[in-house]
């Protein structure tokens, strides 16, 4: 993965998240919190899980320290608060990746957390994980939103690329 490719993937991730969030904004608080068939307890919990993973791994890659705790529903007083935090995190990820060189992307990151010994991974693996993880859960959410007549539409990478180059 080269710097341009990494940045395009991060921009795609932001675009796809934004499309989902636009549709979620039409839902009631009850719909956000209702128990669901999603991989997390509710739609809101699944959205927070996507954000948490992006934040968690960016922090680990950037600082070498994985956060001790994870984000949860109690961290957000409202959907607007989640949107605000997500926008900030997207900006932080974009800035981080924009500053990476080809050598950085091909290099390894050593990260640690209190529960285990330090580990090493290629940086591009971490970035790819952030993108793939988001794609997986957005797919779940997209299907769920479709059942509520709020489909975010196609979130395919190739569609993003086609629109980006217009």
N, C-alpha and C. Protein backbone atom coordinates (compact mmCIF):
# COMPACT_ATOMS: atom_id res chain seq x y z
N UNK A 1 0.86 -1.16 0.00
CA UNK A 1 0.00 0.00 0.00
C UNK A 1 0.91 1.23 0.00
N UNK A 2 0.62 2.15 -0.90
CA UNK A 2 1.39 3.40 -0.93
C UNK A 2 0.57 4.52 -0.30
N UNK A 3 1.18 5.67 -0.04
CA UNK A 3 0.45 6.75 0.64
C UNK A 3 -0.83 7.19 -0.08
N UNK A 4 -0.81 7.25 -1.40
CA UNK A 4 -2.01 7.66 -2.12
C UNK A 4 -3.13 6.64 -1.94
N UNK A 5 -2.80 5.36 -2.02
CA UNK A 5 -3.80 4.32 -1.84
C UNK A 5 -4.37 4.34 -0.42
N UNK A 6 -3.50 4.53 0.56
CA UNK A 6 -3.95 4.59 1.95
C UNK A 6 -4.92 5.74 2.15
N UNK A 7 -4.60 6.88 1.59
CA UNK A 7 -5.47 8.05 1.75
C UNK A 7 -6.81 7.84 1.05
N UNK A 8 -6.80 7.23 -0.12
CA UNK A 8 -8.05 6.96 -0.83
C UNK A 8 -8.93 6.02 0.00
N UNK A 9 -8.34 5.01 0.62
CA UNK A 9 -9.12 4.09 1.45
C UNK A 9 -9.72 4.80 2.65
N UNK A 10 -8.97 5.68 3.26
CA UNK A 10 -9.47 6.44 4.41
C UNK A 10 -10.59 7.38 3.97
N UNK A 11 -10.43 8.01 2.82
CA UNK A 11 -11.48 8.90 2.31
C UNK A 11 -12.74 8.11 1.95
N UNK A 12 -12.56 6.92 1.40
CA UNK A 12 -13.71 6.06 1.13
C UNK A 12 -14.43 5.72 2.43
N UNK A 13 -13.68 5.34 3.43
CA UNK A 13 -14.24 4.99 4.73
C UNK A 13 -15.08 6.14 5.28
N UNK A 14 -14.56 7.35 5.19
CA UNK A 14 -15.29 8.53 5.66
C UNK A 14 -16.57 8.74 4.85
N UNK A 15 -16.47 8.61 3.55
CA UNK A 15 -17.62 8.77 2.66
C UNK A 15 -18.72 7.77 3.01
N UNK A 16 -18.34 6.50 3.15
CA UNK A 16 -19.32 5.46 3.43
C UNK A 16 -19.95 5.66 4.81
N UNK A 17 -19.13 6.01 5.79
CA UNK A 17 -19.68 6.28 7.13
C UNK A 17 -20.67 7.43 7.08
N UNK A 18 -20.33 8.46 6.34
CA UNK A 18 -21.19 9.64 6.24
C UNK A 18 -22.55 9.27 5.62
N UNK A 19 -22.52 8.46 4.59
CA UNK A 19 -23.78 8.04 3.95
C UNK A 19 -24.68 7.29 4.92
N UNK A 20 -24.08 6.43 5.71
CA UNK A 20 -24.85 5.68 6.71
C UNK A 20 -25.41 6.64 7.76
N UNK A 21 -24.57 7.53 8.24
CA UNK A 21 -24.99 8.45 9.30
C UNK A 21 -26.12 9.38 8.82
N UNK A 22 -26.11 9.75 7.56
CA UNK A 22 -27.19 10.59 7.02
C UNK A 22 -28.54 9.88 7.16
N UNK A 23 -28.56 8.59 6.91
CA UNK A 23 -29.81 7.83 7.01
C UNK A 23 -30.19 7.56 8.46
N UNK A 24 -29.20 7.27 9.28
CA UNK A 24 -29.46 7.00 10.70
C UNK A 24 -30.06 8.25 11.36
N UNK A 25 -29.66 9.41 10.90
CA UNK A 25 -30.16 10.67 11.48
C UNK A 25 -31.68 10.79 11.38
N UNK A 26 -32.31 10.04 10.48
CA UNK A 26 -33.76 10.09 10.32
C UNK A 26 -34.50 9.19 11.32
N UNK A 27 -33.77 8.42 12.08
CA UNK A 27 -34.40 7.47 13.00
C UNK A 27 -34.67 8.10 14.36
N UNK A 28 -35.60 7.51 15.04
CA UNK A 28 -35.93 7.96 16.40
C UNK A 28 -34.93 7.37 17.40
N UNK A 29 -34.92 7.93 18.58
CA UNK A 29 -34.08 7.40 19.66
C UNK A 29 -34.46 5.94 19.96
N UNK A 30 -35.73 5.64 19.89
CA UNK A 30 -36.19 4.28 20.15
C UNK A 30 -35.63 3.32 19.11
N UNK A 31 -35.60 3.74 17.85
CA UNK A 31 -35.06 2.89 16.79
C UNK A 31 -33.55 2.71 16.96
N UNK A 32 -32.87 3.74 17.40
CA UNK A 32 -31.42 3.65 17.62
C UNK A 32 -31.07 2.66 18.73
N UNK A 33 -31.91 2.62 19.74
CA UNK A 33 -31.63 1.81 20.93
C UNK A 33 -32.31 0.44 20.94
N UNK A 34 -33.22 0.21 20.00
CA UNK A 34 -33.97 -1.05 19.98
C UNK A 34 -33.03 -2.23 19.80
N UNK A 35 -33.33 -3.32 20.50
CA UNK A 35 -32.55 -4.54 20.30
C UNK A 35 -32.68 -4.95 18.85
N UNK A 36 -31.56 -5.42 18.29
CA UNK A 36 -31.53 -5.74 16.87
C UNK A 36 -30.81 -7.05 16.63
N UNK A 37 -30.84 -7.50 15.39
CA UNK A 37 -30.11 -8.70 14.98
C UNK A 37 -28.67 -8.36 14.59
N UNK A 38 -28.27 -7.11 14.75
CA UNK A 38 -26.91 -6.70 14.41
C UNK A 38 -25.91 -7.38 15.35
N UNK A 39 -24.64 -7.30 15.02
CA UNK A 39 -23.63 -7.97 15.82
C UNK A 39 -23.44 -7.35 17.20
N UNK A 40 -23.95 -6.16 17.38
CA UNK A 40 -23.97 -5.51 18.69
C UNK A 40 -25.44 -5.39 19.11
N UNK A 41 -25.66 -4.99 20.33
CA UNK A 41 -27.02 -5.02 20.91
C UNK A 41 -28.03 -4.18 20.14
N UNK A 42 -27.60 -3.04 19.62
CA UNK A 42 -28.51 -2.12 18.94
C UNK A 42 -27.79 -1.45 17.79
N UNK A 43 -28.56 -0.69 17.02
CA UNK A 43 -27.96 0.08 15.93
C UNK A 43 -26.95 1.08 16.49
N UNK A 44 -27.32 1.79 17.55
CA UNK A 44 -26.40 2.74 18.15
C UNK A 44 -25.14 2.06 18.64
N UNK A 45 -25.26 0.93 19.30
CA UNK A 45 -24.08 0.21 19.80
C UNK A 45 -23.18 -0.25 18.66
N UNK A 46 -23.77 -0.63 17.53
CA UNK A 46 -22.98 -1.06 16.38
C UNK A 46 -22.25 0.13 15.76
N UNK A 47 -22.91 1.26 15.65
CA UNK A 47 -22.24 2.46 15.16
C UNK A 47 -21.07 2.85 16.06
N UNK A 48 -21.30 2.82 17.35
CA UNK A 48 -20.23 3.17 18.30
C UNK A 48 -19.09 2.17 18.18
N UNK A 49 -19.40 0.92 17.94
CA UNK A 49 -18.35 -0.09 17.77
C UNK A 49 -17.46 0.22 16.56
N UNK A 50 -18.05 0.66 15.47
CA UNK A 50 -17.26 1.04 14.29
C UNK A 50 -16.33 2.20 14.65
N UNK A 51 -16.89 3.22 15.26
CA UNK A 51 -16.09 4.38 15.66
C UNK A 51 -15.01 3.98 16.65
N UNK A 52 -15.37 3.18 17.63
CA UNK A 52 -14.42 2.75 18.65
C UNK A 52 -13.22 2.03 18.01
N UNK A 53 -13.48 1.14 17.09
CA UNK A 53 -12.39 0.40 16.44
C UNK A 53 -11.49 1.32 15.64
N UNK A 54 -12.07 2.27 14.94
CA UNK A 54 -11.27 3.23 14.17
C UNK A 54 -10.38 4.04 15.12
N UNK A 55 -10.98 4.55 16.18
CA UNK A 55 -10.23 5.34 17.17
C UNK A 55 -9.16 4.50 17.85
N UNK A 56 -9.52 3.31 18.29
CA UNK A 56 -8.65 2.42 19.04
C UNK A 56 -7.37 2.10 18.25
N UNK A 57 -7.56 1.68 17.00
CA UNK A 57 -6.41 1.29 16.20
C UNK A 57 -5.62 2.49 15.68
N UNK A 58 -6.29 3.61 15.41
CA UNK A 58 -5.52 4.80 15.03
C UNK A 58 -4.63 5.24 16.18
N UNK A 59 -5.21 5.28 17.37
CA UNK A 59 -4.43 5.64 18.56
C UNK A 59 -3.25 4.70 18.74
N UNK A 60 -3.48 3.41 18.61
CA UNK A 60 -2.41 2.43 18.76
C UNK A 60 -1.31 2.61 17.74
N UNK A 61 -1.70 2.83 16.48
CA UNK A 61 -0.71 3.02 15.42
C UNK A 61 0.04 4.33 15.60
N UNK A 62 -0.66 5.35 15.97
CA UNK A 62 -0.08 6.69 16.06
C UNK A 62 0.78 6.86 17.31
N UNK A 63 0.35 6.34 18.43
CA UNK A 63 1.07 6.59 19.68
C UNK A 63 1.84 5.38 20.21
N UNK A 64 1.49 4.20 19.72
CA UNK A 64 2.11 2.99 20.24
C UNK A 64 1.39 2.44 21.47
N UNK A 65 0.35 3.12 21.90
CA UNK A 65 -0.43 2.70 23.07
C UNK A 65 -1.89 2.52 22.70
N UNK A 66 -2.38 1.31 22.86
CA UNK A 66 -3.80 1.08 22.63
C UNK A 66 -4.57 1.63 23.82
N UNK A 67 -5.72 2.24 23.59
CA UNK A 67 -6.52 2.75 24.70
C UNK A 67 -6.88 1.64 25.69
N UNK A 68 -6.96 2.00 26.93
CA UNK A 68 -7.27 1.04 27.99
C UNK A 68 -8.75 0.66 27.95
N UNK A 69 -9.58 1.58 27.58
CA UNK A 69 -11.01 1.32 27.57
C UNK A 69 -11.57 1.44 26.16
N UNK A 70 -12.79 1.02 26.00
CA UNK A 70 -13.45 1.16 24.71
C UNK A 70 -14.60 2.16 24.85
N UNK A 71 -15.04 2.67 23.72
CA UNK A 71 -16.17 3.59 23.73
C UNK A 71 -17.47 2.80 23.84
N UNK A 72 -18.44 3.38 24.53
CA UNK A 72 -19.74 2.74 24.68
C UNK A 72 -20.85 3.76 24.61
N UNK A 73 -22.06 3.29 24.72
CA UNK A 73 -23.21 4.19 24.60
C UNK A 73 -23.21 5.27 25.67
N UNK A 74 -22.63 4.99 26.82
CA UNK A 74 -22.60 6.00 27.90
C UNK A 74 -21.65 7.16 27.58
N UNK A 75 -20.82 7.01 26.55
CA UNK A 75 -19.91 8.08 26.15
C UNK A 75 -20.58 9.15 25.29
N UNK A 76 -21.82 8.91 24.89
CA UNK A 76 -22.50 9.83 23.98
C UNK A 76 -23.87 10.18 24.52
N UNK A 77 -24.06 11.45 24.77
CA UNK A 77 -25.33 11.91 25.33
C UNK A 77 -26.45 11.92 24.30
N UNK A 78 -26.08 11.93 23.02
CA UNK A 78 -27.07 11.98 21.95
C UNK A 78 -26.45 11.50 20.65
N UNK A 79 -27.30 11.30 19.66
CA UNK A 79 -26.80 10.94 18.33
C UNK A 79 -25.94 12.07 17.78
N UNK A 80 -26.32 13.31 18.04
CA UNK A 80 -25.53 14.47 17.59
C UNK A 80 -24.12 14.42 18.18
N UNK A 81 -24.01 14.02 19.44
CA UNK A 81 -22.69 13.91 20.08
C UNK A 81 -21.86 12.84 19.39
N UNK A 82 -22.50 11.73 19.01
CA UNK A 82 -21.80 10.68 18.27
C UNK A 82 -21.33 11.20 16.91
N UNK A 83 -22.22 11.90 16.21
CA UNK A 83 -21.84 12.47 14.91
C UNK A 83 -20.65 13.39 15.03
N UNK A 84 -20.66 14.24 16.04
CA UNK A 84 -19.56 15.19 16.25
C UNK A 84 -18.25 14.46 16.52
N UNK A 85 -18.29 13.48 17.39
CA UNK A 85 -17.07 12.73 17.72
C UNK A 85 -16.57 11.96 16.52
N UNK A 86 -17.48 11.42 15.72
CA UNK A 86 -17.10 10.65 14.54
C UNK A 86 -16.43 11.57 13.51
N UNK A 87 -16.98 12.74 13.33
CA UNK A 87 -16.38 13.70 12.40
C UNK A 87 -14.96 14.05 12.85
N UNK A 88 -14.77 14.24 14.14
CA UNK A 88 -13.44 14.53 14.67
C UNK A 88 -12.49 13.36 14.43
N UNK A 89 -12.97 12.15 14.67
CA UNK A 89 -12.12 10.97 14.47
C UNK A 89 -11.77 10.78 13.01
N UNK A 90 -12.73 10.99 12.12
CA UNK A 90 -12.43 10.90 10.69
C UNK A 90 -11.34 11.90 10.31
N UNK A 91 -11.43 13.10 10.85
CA UNK A 91 -10.42 14.13 10.58
C UNK A 91 -9.05 13.70 11.12
N UNK A 92 -9.01 13.16 12.32
CA UNK A 92 -7.75 12.72 12.92
C UNK A 92 -7.12 11.58 12.11
N UNK A 93 -7.94 10.64 11.67
CA UNK A 93 -7.42 9.54 10.85
C UNK A 93 -6.89 10.07 9.52
N UNK A 94 -7.63 10.96 8.91
CA UNK A 94 -7.21 11.54 7.63
C UNK A 94 -5.87 12.26 7.79
N UNK A 95 -5.77 13.10 8.81
CA UNK A 95 -4.51 13.83 9.04
C UNK A 95 -3.35 12.88 9.30
N UNK A 96 -3.60 11.85 10.09
CA UNK A 96 -2.55 10.88 10.39
C UNK A 96 -2.06 10.21 9.12
N UNK A 97 -2.98 9.68 8.33
CA UNK A 97 -2.60 8.95 7.12
C UNK A 97 -1.98 9.89 6.09
N UNK A 98 -2.48 11.10 6.01
CA UNK A 98 -1.93 12.07 5.07
C UNK A 98 -0.45 12.35 5.36
N UNK A 99 -0.06 12.24 6.61
CA UNK A 99 1.33 12.51 6.99
C UNK A 99 2.26 11.32 6.88
N UNK A 100 1.76 10.17 6.43
CA UNK A 100 2.59 8.97 6.35
C UNK A 100 3.36 8.91 5.05
N UNK A 101 4.58 8.42 5.13
CA UNK A 101 5.40 8.20 3.94
C UNK A 101 5.26 6.74 3.50
N UNK A 102 5.80 6.42 2.34
CA UNK A 102 5.78 5.05 1.85
C UNK A 102 6.53 4.15 2.84
N UNK A 103 7.64 4.64 3.36
CA UNK A 103 8.41 3.86 4.34
C UNK A 103 7.59 3.62 5.61
N UNK A 104 6.85 4.64 6.06
CA UNK A 104 5.98 4.46 7.24
C UNK A 104 4.98 3.34 7.00
N UNK A 105 4.34 3.37 5.84
CA UNK A 105 3.31 2.38 5.53
C UNK A 105 3.87 0.97 5.41
N UNK A 106 5.10 0.86 4.97
CA UNK A 106 5.72 -0.46 4.85
C UNK A 106 6.38 -0.90 6.15
N UNK A 107 6.48 0.01 7.10
CA UNK A 107 7.10 -0.30 8.37
C UNK A 107 6.15 -0.97 9.34
N UNK A 108 6.67 -1.28 10.50
CA UNK A 108 5.86 -1.91 11.54
C UNK A 108 5.59 -0.94 12.67
N UNK A 109 4.53 -1.23 13.36
CA UNK A 109 4.14 -0.46 14.53
C UNK A 109 4.23 -1.40 15.72
N UNK A 110 4.88 -0.94 16.76
CA UNK A 110 4.87 -1.67 18.02
C UNK A 110 3.86 -0.98 18.91
N UNK A 111 2.91 -1.74 19.41
CA UNK A 111 1.89 -1.17 20.27
C UNK A 111 1.77 -2.01 21.52
N UNK A 112 1.30 -1.38 22.56
CA UNK A 112 1.16 -2.10 23.83
C UNK A 112 -0.15 -1.74 24.49
N UNK A 113 -0.54 -2.57 25.42
CA UNK A 113 -1.70 -2.35 26.26
C UNK A 113 -1.44 -3.07 27.58
N UNK A 114 -2.18 -2.73 28.59
CA UNK A 114 -1.91 -3.30 29.91
C UNK A 114 -2.10 -4.82 30.01
N UNK A 115 -2.96 -5.41 29.18
CA UNK A 115 -3.30 -6.81 29.31
C UNK A 115 -2.27 -7.77 28.71
N UNK A 116 -1.33 -7.29 27.91
CA UNK A 116 -0.42 -8.21 27.21
C UNK A 116 0.90 -7.53 26.90
N UNK A 117 1.81 -8.34 26.44
CA UNK A 117 3.12 -7.81 26.06
C UNK A 117 2.99 -7.00 24.77
N UNK A 118 3.95 -6.11 24.50
CA UNK A 118 3.90 -5.35 23.25
C UNK A 118 3.87 -6.27 22.03
N UNK A 119 3.20 -5.80 20.99
CA UNK A 119 3.11 -6.56 19.74
C UNK A 119 3.51 -5.67 18.58
N UNK A 120 3.87 -6.31 17.48
CA UNK A 120 4.24 -5.58 16.26
C UNK A 120 3.34 -6.03 15.12
N UNK A 121 3.01 -5.07 14.29
CA UNK A 121 2.25 -5.34 13.06
C UNK A 121 2.69 -4.35 11.99
N UNK A 122 2.62 -4.78 10.73
CA UNK A 122 2.83 -3.80 9.67
C UNK A 122 1.73 -2.73 9.76
N UNK A 123 2.10 -1.49 9.60
CA UNK A 123 1.13 -0.39 9.70
C UNK A 123 0.00 -0.56 8.69
N UNK A 124 0.32 -0.98 7.49
CA UNK A 124 -0.74 -1.09 6.50
C UNK A 124 -1.77 -2.15 6.89
N UNK A 125 -1.38 -3.16 7.67
CA UNK A 125 -2.36 -4.13 8.17
C UNK A 125 -3.39 -3.46 9.08
N UNK A 126 -2.90 -2.57 9.94
CA UNK A 126 -3.80 -1.87 10.86
C UNK A 126 -4.77 -0.98 10.08
N UNK A 127 -4.24 -0.24 9.12
CA UNK A 127 -5.12 0.62 8.31
C UNK A 127 -6.14 -0.20 7.53
N UNK A 128 -5.70 -1.31 6.96
CA UNK A 128 -6.63 -2.16 6.22
C UNK A 128 -7.68 -2.73 7.15
N UNK A 129 -7.29 -3.06 8.37
CA UNK A 129 -8.26 -3.57 9.34
C UNK A 129 -9.33 -2.52 9.64
N UNK A 130 -8.94 -1.28 9.85
CA UNK A 130 -9.90 -0.21 10.12
C UNK A 130 -10.94 -0.15 9.00
N UNK A 131 -10.47 -0.18 7.76
CA UNK A 131 -11.37 -0.08 6.61
C UNK A 131 -12.26 -1.32 6.50
N UNK A 132 -11.65 -2.51 6.57
CA UNK A 132 -12.43 -3.75 6.44
C UNK A 132 -13.45 -3.89 7.57
N UNK A 133 -13.05 -3.56 8.76
CA UNK A 133 -13.96 -3.64 9.90
C UNK A 133 -15.17 -2.74 9.69
N UNK A 134 -14.92 -1.50 9.27
CA UNK A 134 -16.02 -0.57 9.00
C UNK A 134 -16.92 -1.09 7.89
N UNK A 135 -16.33 -1.65 6.84
CA UNK A 135 -17.12 -2.18 5.73
C UNK A 135 -18.03 -3.31 6.21
N UNK A 136 -17.49 -4.19 7.00
CA UNK A 136 -18.29 -5.31 7.52
C UNK A 136 -19.52 -4.81 8.27
N UNK A 137 -19.30 -3.94 9.23
CA UNK A 137 -20.42 -3.48 10.06
C UNK A 137 -21.35 -2.52 9.31
N UNK A 138 -20.82 -1.73 8.38
CA UNK A 138 -21.72 -0.89 7.56
C UNK A 138 -22.64 -1.76 6.72
N UNK A 139 -22.14 -2.92 6.27
CA UNK A 139 -22.99 -3.85 5.52
C UNK A 139 -24.15 -4.34 6.37
N UNK A 140 -23.86 -4.70 7.60
CA UNK A 140 -24.91 -5.10 8.53
C UNK A 140 -25.91 -3.97 8.73
N UNK A 141 -25.39 -2.79 8.99
CA UNK A 141 -26.24 -1.63 9.26
C UNK A 141 -27.06 -1.26 8.03
N UNK A 142 -26.43 -1.35 6.86
CA UNK A 142 -27.16 -1.05 5.62
C UNK A 142 -28.38 -1.93 5.44
N UNK A 143 -28.22 -3.22 5.72
CA UNK A 143 -29.34 -4.15 5.63
C UNK A 143 -30.42 -3.80 6.66
N UNK A 144 -29.98 -3.47 7.84
CA UNK A 144 -30.92 -3.10 8.91
C UNK A 144 -31.67 -1.81 8.55
N UNK A 145 -30.93 -0.83 8.05
CA UNK A 145 -31.57 0.43 7.63
C UNK A 145 -32.55 0.20 6.49
N UNK A 146 -32.22 -0.70 5.59
CA UNK A 146 -33.14 -1.05 4.50
C UNK A 146 -34.47 -1.55 5.06
N UNK A 147 -34.39 -2.35 6.12
CA UNK A 147 -35.62 -2.88 6.73
C UNK A 147 -36.45 -1.78 7.38
N UNK A 148 -35.83 -0.63 7.65
CA UNK A 148 -36.52 0.53 8.22
C UNK A 148 -36.82 1.60 7.16
N UNK A 149 -36.69 1.23 5.88
CA UNK A 149 -36.90 2.14 4.75
C UNK A 149 -35.95 3.33 4.78
N UNK A 150 -34.72 3.10 5.23
CA UNK A 150 -33.70 4.17 5.26
C UNK A 150 -32.38 3.67 4.66
N UNK A 151 -32.44 2.92 3.60
CA UNK A 151 -31.22 2.36 2.99
C UNK A 151 -30.24 3.47 2.63
N UNK A 152 -28.96 3.28 2.95
CA UNK A 152 -27.96 4.26 2.55
C UNK A 152 -27.55 4.12 1.09
N UNK A 153 -28.11 3.15 0.38
CA UNK A 153 -27.75 2.91 -1.01
C UNK A 153 -26.44 2.15 -1.11
N UNK A 154 -25.92 2.09 -2.31
CA UNK A 154 -24.68 1.35 -2.54
C UNK A 154 -23.51 2.05 -1.86
N UNK A 155 -22.76 1.27 -1.10
CA UNK A 155 -21.58 1.79 -0.40
C UNK A 155 -20.31 1.18 -0.98
N UNK A 156 -20.40 0.65 -2.19
CA UNK A 156 -19.27 -0.01 -2.81
C UNK A 156 -18.11 0.95 -3.05
N UNK A 157 -16.91 0.42 -2.82
CA UNK A 157 -15.69 1.20 -3.06
C UNK A 157 -15.63 1.69 -4.51
N UNK A 158 -15.99 0.83 -5.44
CA UNK A 158 -15.90 1.19 -6.86
C UNK A 158 -16.84 2.35 -7.20
N UNK A 159 -17.98 2.43 -6.51
CA UNK A 159 -18.89 3.56 -6.73
C UNK A 159 -18.27 4.83 -6.17
N UNK A 160 -17.64 4.74 -5.01
CA UNK A 160 -16.94 5.90 -4.45
C UNK A 160 -15.86 6.39 -5.41
N UNK A 161 -15.08 5.47 -5.95
CA UNK A 161 -14.00 5.83 -6.88
C UNK A 161 -14.57 6.49 -8.12
N UNK A 162 -15.65 5.95 -8.64
CA UNK A 162 -16.28 6.51 -9.85
C UNK A 162 -16.76 7.93 -9.58
N UNK A 163 -17.40 8.16 -8.46
CA UNK A 163 -17.90 9.49 -8.11
C UNK A 163 -16.76 10.45 -7.80
N UNK A 164 -15.73 9.94 -7.19
CA UNK A 164 -14.57 10.77 -6.81
C UNK A 164 -13.86 11.33 -8.03
N UNK A 165 -13.81 10.56 -9.09
CA UNK A 165 -13.07 10.99 -10.27
C UNK A 165 -13.89 11.84 -11.23
N UNK A 166 -15.17 12.07 -10.89
CA UNK A 166 -16.02 12.91 -11.76
C UNK A 166 -15.79 14.37 -11.51
